[in-house]
Amino acid sequence: VSIYFQGSEGLYLYLDQRLNAVNFPIAS
């Protein structure tokens, strides 16, 4: 299901970071 909603920029940022995070290797 695709849910379309209006929210705050803070909510958009939170969801983007939690659901779309890419794991990059840490340089040593």
mmCIF file of all heavy atoms, coordinates in Angstrom:
data_MODEL
# 
_entry.id   MODEL 
# 
loop_
_atom_site.group_PDB 
_atom_site.id 
_atom_site.type_symbol 
_atom_site.label_atom_id 
_atom_site.label_alt_id 
_atom_site.label_comp_id 
_atom_site.label_asym_id 
_atom_site.label_entity_id 
_atom_site.label_seq_id 
_atom_site.pdbx_PDB_ins_code 
_atom_site.Cartn_x 
_atom_site.Cartn_y 
_atom_site.Cartn_z 
_atom_site.occupancy 
_atom_site.B_iso_or_equiv 
_atom_site.pdbx_formal_charge 
_atom_site.auth_seq_id 
_atom_site.auth_comp_id 
_atom_site.auth_asym_id 
_atom_site.auth_atom_id 
_atom_site.pdbx_PDB_model_num 
ATOM 1   N N   . VAL A 1 1  ? 0.863  -1.175 0.000  1.00 0.00 ? 1  VAL A N   1 
ATOM 2   C CA  . VAL A 1 1  ? 0.000  0.000  0.000  1.00 0.00 ? 1  VAL A CA  1 
ATOM 3   C C   . VAL A 1 1  ? 0.898  1.223  0.000  1.00 0.00 ? 1  VAL A C   1 
ATOM 4   O O   . VAL A 1 1  ? 1.884  1.284  0.740  1.00 0.00 ? 1  VAL A O   1 
ATOM 5   C CB  . VAL A 1 1  ? -0.929 0.022  1.237  1.00 0.00 ? 1  VAL A CB  1 
ATOM 6   C CG1 . VAL A 1 1  ? -1.650 1.354  1.352  1.00 0.00 ? 1  VAL A CG1 1 
ATOM 7   C CG2 . VAL A 1 1  ? -1.931 -1.114 1.166  1.00 0.00 ? 1  VAL A CG2 1 
ATOM 8   N N   . SER A 1 2  ? 0.591  2.176  -0.843 1.00 0.00 ? 2  SER A N   1 
ATOM 9   C CA  . SER A 1 2  ? 1.287  3.469  -0.853 1.00 0.00 ? 2  SER A CA  1 
ATOM 10  C C   . SER A 1 2  ? 0.385  4.474  -0.158 1.00 0.00 ? 2  SER A C   1 
ATOM 11  O O   . SER A 1 2  ? -0.763 4.670  -0.562 1.00 0.00 ? 2  SER A O   1 
ATOM 12  C CB  . SER A 1 2  ? 1.591  3.931  -2.273 1.00 0.00 ? 2  SER A CB  1 
ATOM 13  O OG  . SER A 1 2  ? 2.529  3.067  -2.870 1.00 0.00 ? 2  SER A OG  1 
ATOM 14  N N   . ILE A 1 3  ? 0.907  5.065  0.918  1.00 0.00 ? 3  ILE A N   1 
ATOM 15  C CA  . ILE A 1 3  ? 0.155  6.031  1.716  1.00 0.00 ? 3  ILE A CA  1 
ATOM 16  C C   . ILE A 1 3  ? 0.715  7.415  1.429  1.00 0.00 ? 3  ILE A C   1 
ATOM 17  O O   . ILE A 1 3  ? 1.919  7.648  1.614  1.00 0.00 ? 3  ILE A O   1 
ATOM 18  C CB  . ILE A 1 3  ? 0.284  5.730  3.226  1.00 0.00 ? 3  ILE A CB  1 
ATOM 19  C CG1 . ILE A 1 3  ? -0.164 4.300  3.522  1.00 0.00 ? 3  ILE A CG1 1 
ATOM 20  C CG2 . ILE A 1 3  ? -0.509 6.743  4.039  1.00 0.00 ? 3  ILE A CG2 1 
ATOM 21  C CD1 . ILE A 1 3  ? 0.226  3.813  4.906  1.00 0.00 ? 3  ILE A CD1 1 
ATOM 22  N N   . TYR A 1 4  ? -0.124 8.334  0.957  1.00 0.00 ? 4  TYR A N   1 
ATOM 23  C CA  . TYR A 1 4  ? 0.285  9.713  0.681  1.00 0.00 ? 4  TYR A CA  1 
ATOM 24  C C   . TYR A 1 4  ? -0.201 10.587 1.833  1.00 0.00 ? 4  TYR A C   1 
ATOM 25  O O   . TYR A 1 4  ? -1.362 10.492 2.236  1.00 0.00 ? 4  TYR A O   1 
ATOM 26  C CB  . TYR A 1 4  ? -0.319 10.199 -0.631 1.00 0.00 ? 4  TYR A CB  1 
ATOM 27  C CG  . TYR A 1 4  ? 0.199  9.439  -1.829 1.00 0.00 ? 4  TYR A CG  1 
ATOM 28  C CD1 . TYR A 1 4  ? -0.413 8.264  -2.248 1.00 0.00 ? 4  TYR A CD1 1 
ATOM 29  C CD2 . TYR A 1 4  ? 1.308  9.896  -2.534 1.00 0.00 ? 4  TYR A CD2 1 
ATOM 30  C CE1 . TYR A 1 4  ? 0.070  7.553  -3.344 1.00 0.00 ? 4  TYR A CE1 1 
ATOM 31  C CE2 . TYR A 1 4  ? 1.789  9.199  -3.640 1.00 0.00 ? 4  TYR A CE2 1 
ATOM 32  C CZ  . TYR A 1 4  ? 1.161  8.029  -4.027 1.00 0.00 ? 4  TYR A CZ  1 
ATOM 33  O OH  . TYR A 1 4  ? 1.645  7.333  -5.114 1.00 0.00 ? 4  TYR A OH  1 
ATOM 34  N N   . PHE A 1 5  ? 0.673  11.427 2.350  1.00 0.00 ? 5  PHE A N   1 
ATOM 35  C CA  . PHE A 1 5  ? 0.321  12.225 3.521  1.00 0.00 ? 5  PHE A CA  1 
ATOM 36  C C   . PHE A 1 5  ? 1.062  13.559 3.513  1.00 0.00 ? 5  PHE A C   1 
ATOM 37  O O   . PHE A 1 5  ? 2.099  13.714 2.866  1.00 0.00 ? 5  PHE A O   1 
ATOM 38  C CB  . PHE A 1 5  ? 0.648  11.458 4.808  1.00 0.00 ? 5  PHE A CB  1 
ATOM 39  C CG  . PHE A 1 5  ? 2.114  11.149 4.963  1.00 0.00 ? 5  PHE A CG  1 
ATOM 40  C CD1 . PHE A 1 5  ? 2.936  11.978 5.700  1.00 0.00 ? 5  PHE A CD1 1 
ATOM 41  C CD2 . PHE A 1 5  ? 2.664  10.034 4.365  1.00 0.00 ? 5  PHE A CD2 1 
ATOM 42  C CE1 . PHE A 1 5  ? 4.285  11.705 5.843  1.00 0.00 ? 5  PHE A CE1 1 
ATOM 43  C CE2 . PHE A 1 5  ? 4.008  9.750  4.505  1.00 0.00 ? 5  PHE A CE2 1 
ATOM 44  C CZ  . PHE A 1 5  ? 4.819  10.583 5.248  1.00 0.00 ? 5  PHE A CZ  1 
ATOM 45  N N   . GLN A 1 6  ? 0.498  14.525 4.233  1.00 0.00 ? 6  GLN A N   1 
ATOM 46  C CA  . GLN A 1 6  ? 1.153  15.805 4.473  1.00 0.00 ? 6  GLN A CA  1 
ATOM 47  C C   . GLN A 1 6  ? 1.699  15.775 5.887  1.00 0.00 ? 6  GLN A C   1 
ATOM 48  O O   . GLN A 1 6  ? 0.988  15.404 6.822  1.00 0.00 ? 6  GLN A O   1 
ATOM 49  C CB  . GLN A 1 6  ? 0.177  16.965 4.332  1.00 0.00 ? 6  GLN A CB  1 
ATOM 50  C CG  . GLN A 1 6  ? -0.237 17.225 2.911  1.00 0.00 ? 6  GLN A CG  1 
ATOM 51  C CD  . GLN A 1 6  ? -1.190 18.399 2.820  1.00 0.00 ? 6  GLN A CD  1 
ATOM 52  O OE1 . GLN A 1 6  ? -2.079 18.545 3.648  1.00 0.00 ? 6  GLN A OE1 1 
ATOM 53  N NE2 . GLN A 1 6  ? -1.004 19.223 1.806  1.00 0.00 ? 6  GLN A NE2 1 
ATOM 54  N N   . GLY A 1 7  ? 2.944  16.165 6.018  1.00 0.00 ? 7  GLY A N   1 
ATOM 55  C CA  . GLY A 1 7  ? 3.566  16.192 7.335  1.00 0.00 ? 7  GLY A CA  1 
ATOM 56  C C   . GLY A 1 7  ? 4.597  17.309 7.389  1.00 0.00 ? 7  GLY A C   1 
ATOM 57  O O   . GLY A 1 7  ? 4.812  18.028 6.415  1.00 0.00 ? 7  GLY A O   1 
ATOM 58  N N   . SER A 1 8  ? 5.235  17.408 8.514  1.00 0.00 ? 8  SER A N   1 
ATOM 59  C CA  . SER A 1 8  ? 6.258  18.436 8.689  1.00 0.00 ? 8  SER A CA  1 
ATOM 60  C C   . SER A 1 8  ? 7.551  18.010 7.991  1.00 0.00 ? 8  SER A C   1 
ATOM 61  O O   . SER A 1 8  ? 7.763  16.825 7.715  1.00 0.00 ? 8  SER A O   1 
ATOM 62  C CB  . SER A 1 8  ? 6.531  18.658 10.178 1.00 0.00 ? 8  SER A CB  1 
ATOM 63  O OG  . SER A 1 8  ? 7.166  17.504 10.721 1.00 0.00 ? 8  SER A OG  1 
ATOM 64  N N   . GLU A 1 9  ? 8.398  18.982 7.732  1.00 0.00 ? 9  GLU A N   1 
ATOM 65  C CA  . GLU A 1 9  ? 9.708  18.673 7.146  1.00 0.00 ? 9  GLU A CA  1 
ATOM 66  C C   . GLU A 1 9  ? 10.508 17.781 8.083  1.00 0.00 ? 9  GLU A C   1 
ATOM 67  O O   . GLU A 1 9  ? 11.279 16.933 7.645  1.00 0.00 ? 9  GLU A O   1 
ATOM 68  C CB  . GLU A 1 9  ? 10.475 19.955 6.822  1.00 0.00 ? 9  GLU A CB  1 
ATOM 69  C CG  . GLU A 1 9  ? 9.901  20.727 5.640  1.00 0.00 ? 9  GLU A CG  1 
ATOM 70  C CD  . GLU A 1 9  ? 9.890  19.924 4.348  1.00 0.00 ? 9  GLU A CD  1 
ATOM 71  O OE1 . GLU A 1 9  ? 10.890 19.235 4.033  1.00 0.00 ? 9  GLU A OE1 1 
ATOM 72  O OE2 . GLU A 1 9  ? 8.870  19.977 3.630  1.00 0.00 ? 9  GLU A OE2 1 
ATOM 73  N N   . GLY A 1 10 ? 10.319 17.967 9.394  1.00 0.00 ? 10 GLY A N   1 
ATOM 74  C CA  . GLY A 1 10 ? 11.001 17.122 10.365 1.00 0.00 ? 10 GLY A CA  1 
ATOM 75  C C   . GLY A 1 10 ? 10.587 15.656 10.234 1.00 0.00 ? 10 GLY A C   1 
ATOM 76  O O   . GLY A 1 10 ? 11.427 14.757 10.330 1.00 0.00 ? 10 GLY A O   1 
ATOM 77  N N   . LEU A 1 11 ? 9.310  15.413 10.005 1.00 0.00 ? 11 LEU A N   1 
ATOM 78  C CA  . LEU A 1 11 ? 8.823  14.046 9.815  1.00 0.00 ? 11 LEU A CA  1 
ATOM 79  C C   . LEU A 1 11 ? 9.398  13.459 8.534  1.00 0.00 ? 11 LEU A C   1 
ATOM 80  O O   . LEU A 1 11 ? 9.844  12.311 8.520  1.00 0.00 ? 11 LEU A O   1 
ATOM 81  C CB  . LEU A 1 11 ? 7.291  14.019 9.784  1.00 0.00 ? 11 LEU A CB  1 
ATOM 82  C CG  . LEU A 1 11 ? 6.643  12.676 9.487  1.00 0.00 ? 11 LEU A CG  1 
ATOM 83  C CD1 . LEU A 1 11 ? 7.062  11.615 10.508 1.00 0.00 ? 11 LEU A CD1 1 
ATOM 84  C CD2 . LEU A 1 11 ? 5.128  12.818 9.443  1.00 0.00 ? 11 LEU A CD2 1 
ATOM 85  N N   . TYR A 1 12 ? 9.398  14.256 7.463  1.00 0.00 ? 12 TYR A N   1 
ATOM 86  C CA  . TYR A 1 12 ? 9.956  13.775 6.205  1.00 0.00 ? 12 TYR A CA  1 
ATOM 87  C C   . TYR A 1 12 ? 11.430 13.406 6.373  1.00 0.00 ? 12 TYR A C   1 
ATOM 88  O O   . TYR A 1 12 ? 11.881 12.367 5.890  1.00 0.00 ? 12 TYR A O   1 
ATOM 89  C CB  . TYR A 1 12 ? 9.818  14.825 5.101  1.00 0.00 ? 12 TYR A CB  1 
ATOM 90  C CG  . TYR A 1 12 ? 8.398  15.143 4.684  1.00 0.00 ? 12 TYR A CG  1 
ATOM 91  C CD1 . TYR A 1 12 ? 8.112  16.313 4.008  1.00 0.00 ? 12 TYR A CD1 1 
ATOM 92  C CD2 . TYR A 1 12 ? 7.333  14.288 4.956  1.00 0.00 ? 12 TYR A CD2 1 
ATOM 93  C CE1 . TYR A 1 12 ? 6.822  16.622 3.604  1.00 0.00 ? 12 TYR A CE1 1 
ATOM 94  C CE2 . TYR A 1 12 ? 6.044  14.587 4.568  1.00 0.00 ? 12 TYR A CE2 1 
ATOM 95  C CZ  . TYR A 1 12 ? 5.793  15.752 3.886  1.00 0.00 ? 12 TYR A CZ  1 
ATOM 96  O OH  . TYR A 1 12 ? 4.520  16.058 3.489  1.00 0.00 ? 12 TYR A OH  1 
ATOM 97  N N   . LEU A 1 13 ? 12.174 14.251 7.058  1.00 0.00 ? 13 LEU A N   1 
ATOM 98  C CA  . LEU A 1 13 ? 13.595 13.989 7.280  1.00 0.00 ? 13 LEU A CA  1 
ATOM 99  C C   . LEU A 1 13 ? 13.792 12.727 8.111  1.00 0.00 ? 13 LEU A C   1 
ATOM 100 O O   . LEU A 1 13 ? 14.634 11.886 7.790  1.00 0.00 ? 13 LEU A O   1 
ATOM 101 C CB  . LEU A 1 13 ? 14.248 15.194 7.970  1.00 0.00 ? 13 LEU A CB  1 
ATOM 102 C CG  . LEU A 1 13 ? 15.733 15.061 8.287  1.00 0.00 ? 13 LEU A CG  1 
ATOM 103 C CD1 . LEU A 1 13 ? 16.553 14.913 7.010  1.00 0.00 ? 13 LEU A CD1 1 
ATOM 104 C CD2 . LEU A 1 13 ? 16.205 16.274 9.078  1.00 0.00 ? 13 LEU A CD2 1 
ATOM 105 N N   . TYR A 1 14 ? 13.011 12.575 9.168  1.00 0.00 ? 14 TYR A N   1 
ATOM 106 C CA  . TYR A 1 14 ? 13.103 11.399 10.025 1.00 0.00 ? 14 TYR A CA  1 
ATOM 107 C C   . TYR A 1 14 ? 12.858 10.116 9.221  1.00 0.00 ? 14 TYR A C   1 
ATOM 108 O O   . TYR A 1 14 ? 13.633 9.157  9.293  1.00 0.00 ? 14 TYR A O   1 
ATOM 109 C CB  . TYR A 1 14 ? 12.107 11.508 11.179 1.00 0.00 ? 14 TYR A CB  1 
ATOM 110 C CG  . TYR A 1 14 ? 12.025 10.270 12.019 1.00 0.00 ? 14 TYR A CG  1 
ATOM 111 C CD1 . TYR A 1 14 ? 13.004 9.987  12.964 1.00 0.00 ? 14 TYR A CD1 1 
ATOM 112 C CD2 . TYR A 1 14 ? 10.966 9.372  11.869 1.00 0.00 ? 14 TYR A CD2 1 
ATOM 113 C CE1 . TYR A 1 14 ? 12.930 8.834  13.739 1.00 0.00 ? 14 TYR A CE1 1 
ATOM 114 C CE2 . TYR A 1 14 ? 10.888 8.223  12.641 1.00 0.00 ? 14 TYR A CE2 1 
ATOM 115 C CZ  . TYR A 1 14 ? 11.872 7.963  13.572 1.00 0.00 ? 14 TYR A CZ  1 
ATOM 116 O OH  . TYR A 1 14 ? 11.807 6.815  14.326 1.00 0.00 ? 14 TYR A OH  1 
ATOM 117 N N   . LEU A 1 15 ? 11.773 10.096 8.448  1.00 0.00 ? 15 LEU A N   1 
ATOM 118 C CA  . LEU A 1 15 ? 11.454 8.899  7.667  1.00 0.00 ? 15 LEU A CA  1 
ATOM 119 C C   . LEU A 1 15 ? 12.502 8.628  6.601  1.00 0.00 ? 15 LEU A C   1 
ATOM 120 O O   . LEU A 1 15 ? 12.861 7.466  6.355  1.00 0.00 ? 15 LEU A O   1 
ATOM 121 C CB  . LEU A 1 15 ? 10.066 9.045  7.026  1.00 0.00 ? 15 LEU A CB  1 
ATOM 122 C CG  . LEU A 1 15 ? 8.900  8.998  8.006  1.00 0.00 ? 15 LEU A CG  1 
ATOM 123 C CD1 . LEU A 1 15 ? 7.604  9.368  7.303  1.00 0.00 ? 15 LEU A CD1 1 
ATOM 124 C CD2 . LEU A 1 15 ? 8.789  7.628  8.661  1.00 0.00 ? 15 LEU A CD2 1 
ATOM 125 N N   . ASP A 1 16 ? 13.006 9.680  5.979  1.00 0.00 ? 16 ASP A N   1 
ATOM 126 C CA  . ASP A 1 16 ? 14.039 9.506  4.962  1.00 0.00 ? 16 ASP A CA  1 
ATOM 127 C C   . ASP A 1 16 ? 15.290 8.875  5.572  1.00 0.00 ? 16 ASP A C   1 
ATOM 128 O O   . ASP A 1 16 ? 15.855 7.934  5.015  1.00 0.00 ? 16 ASP A O   1 
ATOM 129 C CB  . ASP A 1 16 ? 14.375 10.852 4.318  1.00 0.00 ? 16 ASP A CB  1 
ATOM 130 C CG  . ASP A 1 16 ? 15.324 10.704 3.142  1.00 0.00 ? 16 ASP A CG  1 
ATOM 131 O OD1 . ASP A 1 16 ? 15.086 9.813  2.296  1.00 0.00 ? 16 ASP A OD1 1 
ATOM 132 O OD2 . ASP A 1 16 ? 16.305 11.463 3.074  1.00 0.00 ? 16 ASP A OD2 1 
ATOM 133 N N   . GLN A 1 17 ? 15.695 9.370  6.721  1.00 0.00 ? 17 GLN A N   1 
ATOM 134 C CA  . GLN A 1 17 ? 16.898 8.834  7.363  1.00 0.00 ? 17 GLN A CA  1 
ATOM 135 C C   . GLN A 1 17 ? 16.692 7.407  7.869  1.00 0.00 ? 17 GLN A C   1 
ATOM 136 O O   . GLN A 1 17 ? 17.594 6.590  7.794  1.00 0.00 ? 17 GLN A O   1 
ATOM 137 C CB  . GLN A 1 17 ? 17.322 9.735  8.518  1.00 0.00 ? 17 GLN A CB  1 
ATOM 138 C CG  . GLN A 1 17 ? 17.885 11.056 8.051  1.00 0.00 ? 17 GLN A CG  1 
ATOM 139 C CD  . GLN A 1 17 ? 18.210 11.984 9.197  1.00 0.00 ? 17 GLN A CD  1 
ATOM 140 O OE1 . GLN A 1 17 ? 17.728 11.819 10.316 1.00 0.00 ? 17 GLN A OE1 1 
ATOM 141 N NE2 . GLN A 1 17 ? 19.024 12.986 8.915  1.00 0.00 ? 17 GLN A NE2 1 
ATOM 142 N N   . ARG A 1 18 ? 15.521 7.105  8.403  1.00 0.00 ? 18 ARG A N   1 
ATOM 143 C CA  . ARG A 1 18 ? 15.270 5.771  8.958  1.00 0.00 ? 18 ARG A CA  1 
ATOM 144 C C   . ARG A 1 18 ? 15.027 4.710  7.883  1.00 0.00 ? 18 ARG A C   1 
ATOM 145 O O   . ARG A 1 18 ? 15.471 3.586  8.022  1.00 0.00 ? 18 ARG A O   1 
ATOM 146 C CB  . ARG A 1 18 ? 14.061 5.805  9.889  1.00 0.00 ? 18 ARG A CB  1 
ATOM 147 C CG  . ARG A 1 18 ? 14.234 6.661  11.107 1.00 0.00 ? 18 ARG A CG  1 
ATOM 148 C CD  . ARG A 1 18 ? 15.168 6.047  12.091 1.00 0.00 ? 18 ARG A CD  1 
ATOM 149 N NE  . ARG A 1 18 ? 14.535 4.860  12.651 1.00 0.00 ? 18 ARG A NE  1 
ATOM 150 C CZ  . ARG A 1 18 ? 15.067 4.102  13.563 1.00 0.00 ? 18 ARG A CZ  1 
ATOM 151 N NH1 . ARG A 1 18 ? 16.241 4.384  14.037 1.00 0.00 ? 18 ARG A NH1 1 
ATOM 152 N NH2 . ARG A 1 18 ? 14.434 3.051  14.008 1.00 0.00 ? 18 ARG A NH2 1 
ATOM 153 N N   . LEU A 1 19 ? 14.309 5.067  6.823  1.00 0.00 ? 19 LEU A N   1 
ATOM 154 C CA  . LEU A 1 19 ? 13.918 4.062  5.836  1.00 0.00 ? 19 LEU A CA  1 
ATOM 155 C C   . LEU A 1 19 ? 14.806 4.030  4.598  1.00 0.00 ? 19 LEU A C   1 
ATOM 156 O O   . LEU A 1 19 ? 14.853 3.013  3.915  1.00 0.00 ? 19 LEU A O   1 
ATOM 157 C CB  . LEU A 1 19 ? 12.463 4.289  5.406  1.00 0.00 ? 19 LEU A CB  1 
ATOM 158 C CG  . LEU A 1 19 ? 11.430 4.170  6.531  1.00 0.00 ? 19 LEU A CG  1 
ATOM 159 C CD1 . LEU A 1 19 ? 10.047 4.480  5.996  1.00 0.00 ? 19 LEU A CD1 1 
ATOM 160 C CD2 . LEU A 1 19 ? 11.474 2.795  7.165  1.00 0.00 ? 19 LEU A CD2 1 
ATOM 161 N N   . ASN A 1 20 ? 15.472 5.121  4.297  1.00 0.00 ? 20 ASN A N   1 
ATOM 162 C CA  . ASN A 1 20 ? 16.264 5.178  3.074  1.00 0.00 ? 20 ASN A CA  1 
ATOM 163 C C   . ASN A 1 20 ? 17.757 5.254  3.353  1.00 0.00 ? 20 ASN A C   1 
ATOM 164 O O   . ASN A 1 20 ? 18.530 5.553  2.461  1.00 0.00 ? 20 ASN A O   1 
ATOM 165 C CB  . ASN A 1 20 ? 15.850 6.386  2.229  1.00 0.00 ? 20 ASN A CB  1 
ATOM 166 C CG  . ASN A 1 20 ? 14.388 6.319  1.824  1.00 0.00 ? 20 ASN A CG  1 
ATOM 167 O OD1 . ASN A 1 20 ? 13.793 5.259  1.778  1.00 0.00 ? 20 ASN A OD1 1 
ATOM 168 N ND2 . ASN A 1 20 ? 13.802 7.464  1.555  1.00 0.00 ? 20 ASN A ND2 1 
ATOM 169 N N   . ALA A 1 21 ? 18.156 4.997  4.584  1.00 0.00 ? 21 ALA A N   1 
ATOM 170 C CA  . ALA A 1 21 ? 19.571 5.086  4.948  1.00 0.00 ? 21 ALA A CA  1 
ATOM 171 C C   . ALA A 1 21 ? 20.383 4.053  4.161  1.00 0.00 ? 21 ALA A C   1 
ATOM 172 O O   . ALA A 1 21 ? 19.968 2.920  3.985  1.00 0.00 ? 21 ALA A O   1 
ATOM 173 C CB  . ALA A 1 21 ? 19.749 4.859  6.445  1.00 0.00 ? 21 ALA A CB  1 
ATOM 174 N N   . VAL A 1 22 ? 21.514 4.512  3.700  1.00 0.00 ? 22 VAL A N   1 
ATOM 175 C CA  . VAL A 1 22 ? 22.435 3.642  2.979  1.00 0.00 ? 22 VAL A CA  1 
ATOM 176 C C   . VAL A 1 22 ? 23.629 3.413  3.909  1.00 0.00 ? 22 VAL A C   1 
ATOM 177 O O   . VAL A 1 22 ? 24.170 4.357  4.469  1.00 0.00 ? 22 VAL A O   1 
ATOM 178 C CB  . VAL A 1 22 ? 22.901 4.297  1.663  1.00 0.00 ? 22 VAL A CB  1 
ATOM 179 C CG1 . VAL A 1 22 ? 23.899 3.414  0.960  1.00 0.00 ? 22 VAL A CG1 1 
ATOM 180 C CG2 . VAL A 1 22 ? 21.708 4.586  0.787  1.00 0.00 ? 22 VAL A CG2 1 
ATOM 181 N N   . ASN A 1 23 ? 23.991 2.164  4.045  1.00 0.00 ? 23 ASN A N   1 
ATOM 182 C CA  . ASN A 1 23 ? 25.141 1.852  4.888  1.00 0.00 ? 23 ASN A CA  1 
ATOM 183 C C   . ASN A 1 23 ? 26.420 1.983  4.085  1.00 0.00 ? 23 ASN A C   1 
ATOM 184 O O   . ASN A 1 23 ? 26.685 1.189  3.183  1.00 0.00 ? 23 ASN A O   1 
ATOM 185 C CB  . ASN A 1 23 ? 25.022 0.433  5.451  1.00 0.00 ? 23 ASN A CB  1 
ATOM 186 C CG  . ASN A 1 23 ? 23.859 0.297  6.396  1.00 0.00 ? 23 ASN A CG  1 
ATOM 187 O OD1 . ASN A 1 23 ? 23.571 1.227  7.136  1.00 0.00 ? 23 ASN A OD1 1 
ATOM 188 N ND2 . ASN A 1 23 ? 23.186 -0.835 6.369  1.00 0.00 ? 23 ASN A ND2 1 
ATOM 189 N N   . PHE A 1 24 ? 27.187 3.011  4.394  1.00 0.00 ? 24 PHE A N   1 
ATOM 190 C CA  . PHE A 1 24 ? 28.471 3.219  3.747  1.00 0.00 ? 24 PHE A CA  1 
ATOM 191 C C   . PHE A 1 24 ? 29.562 2.659  4.639  1.00 0.00 ? 24 PHE A C   1 
ATOM 192 O O   . PHE A 1 24 ? 29.524 2.823  5.858  1.00 0.00 ? 24 PHE A O   1 
ATOM 193 C CB  . PHE A 1 24 ? 28.728 4.718  3.524  1.00 0.00 ? 24 PHE A CB  1 
ATOM 194 C CG  . PHE A 1 24 ? 27.798 5.331  2.511  1.00 0.00 ? 24 PHE A CG  1 
ATOM 195 C CD1 . PHE A 1 24 ? 26.750 6.132  2.914  1.00 0.00 ? 24 PHE A CD1 1 
ATOM 196 C CD2 . PHE A 1 24 ? 27.969 5.091  1.164  1.00 0.00 ? 24 PHE A CD2 1 
ATOM 197 C CE1 . PHE A 1 24 ? 25.883 6.704  2.000  1.00 0.00 ? 24 PHE A CE1 1 
ATOM 198 C CE2 . PHE A 1 24 ? 27.114 5.644  0.230  1.00 0.00 ? 24 PHE A CE2 1 
ATOM 199 C CZ  . PHE A 1 24 ? 26.072 6.448  0.650  1.00 0.00 ? 24 PHE A CZ  1 
ATOM 200 N N   . PRO A 1 25 ? 30.585 2.021  4.051  1.00 0.00 ? 25 PRO A N   1 
ATOM 201 C CA  . PRO A 1 25 ? 31.675 1.541  4.882  1.00 0.00 ? 25 PRO A CA  1 
ATOM 202 C C   . PRO A 1 25 ? 32.447 2.715  5.479  1.00 0.00 ? 25 PRO A C   1 
ATOM 203 O O   . PRO A 1 25 ? 32.573 3.772  4.858  1.00 0.00 ? 25 PRO A O   1 
ATOM 204 C CB  . PRO A 1 25 ? 32.547 0.737  3.906  1.00 0.00 ? 25 PRO A CB  1 
ATOM 205 C CG  . PRO A 1 25 ? 32.139 1.182  2.548  1.00 0.00 ? 25 PRO A CG  1 
ATOM 206 C CD  . PRO A 1 25 ? 30.743 1.710  2.649  1.00 0.00 ? 25 PRO A CD  1 
ATOM 207 N N   . ILE A 1 26 ? 32.913 2.538  6.689  1.00 0.00 ? 26 ILE A N   1 
ATOM 208 C CA  . ILE A 1 26 ? 33.678 3.580  7.359  1.00 0.00 ? 26 ILE A CA  1 
ATOM 209 C C   . ILE A 1 26 ? 35.136 3.461  6.942  1.00 0.00 ? 26 ILE A C   1 
ATOM 210 O O   . ILE A 1 26 ? 35.729 2.370  7.018  1.00 0.00 ? 26 ILE A O   1 
ATOM 211 C CB  . ILE A 1 26 ? 33.558 3.454  8.890  1.00 0.00 ? 26 ILE A CB  1 
ATOM 212 C CG1 . ILE A 1 26 ? 32.090 3.621  9.292  1.00 0.00 ? 26 ILE A CG1 1 
ATOM 213 C CG2 . ILE A 1 26 ? 34.448 4.453  9.610  1.00 0.00 ? 26 ILE A CG2 1 
ATOM 214 C CD1 . ILE A 1 26 ? 31.825 3.353  10.753 1.00 0.00 ? 26 ILE A CD1 1 
ATOM 215 N N   . ALA A 1 27 ? 35.698 4.556  6.457  1.00 0.00 ? 27 ALA A N   1 
ATOM 216 C CA  . ALA A 1 27 ? 37.093 4.559  6.020  1.00 0.00 ? 27 ALA A CA  1 
ATOM 217 C C   . ALA A 1 27 ? 37.997 4.405  7.228  1.00 0.00 ? 27 ALA A C   1 
ATOM 218 O O   . ALA A 1 27 ? 37.757 4.958  8.295  1.00 0.00 ? 27 ALA A O   1 
ATOM 219 C CB  . ALA A 1 27 ? 37.430 5.852  5.294  1.00 0.00 ? 27 ALA A CB  1 
ATOM 220 N N   . SER A 1 28 ? 39.066 3.641  7.071  1.00 0.00 ? 28 SER A N   1 
ATOM 221 C CA  . SER A 1 28 ? 39.990 3.464  8.193  1.00 0.00 ? 28 SER A CA  1 
ATOM 222 C C   . SER A 1 28 ? 41.298 4.177  7.946  1.00 0.00 ? 28 SER A C   1 
ATOM 223 O O   . SER A 1 28 ? 41.615 4.633  6.925  1.00 0.00 ? 28 SER A O   1 
ATOM 224 C CB  . SER A 1 28 ? 40.254 1.982  8.438  1.00 0.00 ? 28 SER A CB  1 
ATOM 225 O OG  . SER A 1 28 ? 40.652 1.346  7.259  1.00 0.00 ? 28 SER A OG  1 
# 
